[in-house]
């Protein structure tokens, strides 16, 4: 999976961003659970999911700050 472009993330609506954040947090939980039970085979998903989560949270924070400063 290629790293998502930040411009693509900025095009998403607030609801889409929130939905994706929740989905990635659930995925990270599942990955940690699989790792604990030694069922995880592709450990690179941790890094990809954390990067995507960071991008989404950054865009969400930027939008909330721009709303509060306006």
Protein backbone atom coordinates (compact mmCIF):
# COMPACT_ATOMS: atom_id res chain seq x y z
CA UNK A 1 0.00 0.00 0.00
CA UNK A 2 1.41 3.37 -1.00
CA UNK A 3 1.36 6.19 1.47
CA UNK A 4 -1.76 8.28 1.00
CA UNK A 5 -1.36 11.81 -0.23
CA UNK A 6 -2.26 14.49 2.30
CA UNK A 7 -4.17 16.36 -0.41
CA UNK A 8 -6.50 13.37 -0.75
CA UNK A 9 -7.08 13.35 3.00
CA UNK A 10 -7.91 17.07 2.99
CA UNK A 11 -10.66 16.46 0.41
CA UNK A 12 -12.58 14.19 2.79
CA UNK A 13 -15.54 15.43 4.79
CA UNK A 14 -15.50 15.62 8.60
CA UNK A 15 -17.68 12.51 8.85
CA UNK A 16 -15.40 10.54 6.54
CA UNK A 17 -12.32 11.53 8.51
CA UNK A 18 -13.92 10.54 11.81
CA UNK A 19 -15.07 7.24 10.34
CA UNK A 20 -11.59 6.45 9.00
CA UNK A 21 -9.96 7.40 12.31
CA UNK A 22 -12.22 4.99 14.16
CA UNK A 23 -11.55 2.27 11.60
CA UNK A 24 -7.78 2.64 11.80
CA UNK A 25 -7.85 2.66 15.60
CA UNK A 26 -9.82 -0.59 15.48
CA UNK A 27 -7.36 -2.01 12.97
CA UNK A 28 -4.42 -1.12 15.22
CA UNK A 29 -6.18 -2.82 18.12
CA UNK A 30 -6.69 -5.94 16.02
CA UNK A 31 -3.07 -5.88 14.88
CA UNK A 32 -1.83 -5.65 18.47
CA UNK A 33 -4.11 -8.53 19.42
CA UNK A 34 -2.85 -10.65 16.51
CA UNK A 35 0.72 -9.86 17.45
CA UNK A 36 0.13 -10.87 21.06
CA UNK A 37 -1.30 -14.21 19.96
CA UNK A 38 1.48 -14.67 17.37
CA UNK A 39 -0.92 -14.70 14.42
CA UNK A 40 0.41 -11.53 12.76
CA UNK A 41 2.37 -12.16 9.57
CA UNK A 42 2.66 -8.73 7.93
CA UNK A 43 4.06 -6.44 10.60
CA UNK A 44 4.50 -3.56 8.16
CA UNK A 45 0.78 -2.79 8.58
CA UNK A 46 1.57 -1.19 11.96
CA UNK A 47 3.65 1.55 10.39
CA UNK A 48 1.22 2.13 7.53
CA UNK A 49 -1.75 2.39 9.88
CA UNK A 50 0.06 4.75 12.27
CA UNK A 51 1.08 7.05 9.41
CA UNK A 52 -2.46 7.15 8.01
CA UNK A 53 -3.88 7.79 11.50
CA UNK A 54 -1.41 10.63 12.06
CA UNK A 55 -2.39 12.24 8.75
CA UNK A 56 -6.08 12.03 9.54
CA UNK A 57 -5.64 13.40 13.05
CA UNK A 58 -3.49 16.26 11.74
CA UNK A 59 -6.10 17.31 9.19
CA UNK A 60 -8.86 17.00 11.80
CA UNK A 61 -6.90 19.18 14.25
CA UNK A 62 -6.15 21.77 11.57
CA UNK A 63 -9.81 22.04 10.71
CA UNK A 64 -10.92 22.36 14.33
CA UNK A 65 -8.30 25.08 14.94
CA UNK A 66 -9.33 27.02 11.85
CA UNK A 67 -12.97 26.89 12.96
CA UNK A 68 -12.19 28.09 16.47
CA UNK A 69 -9.95 30.95 15.29
CA UNK A 70 -12.53 32.24 12.80
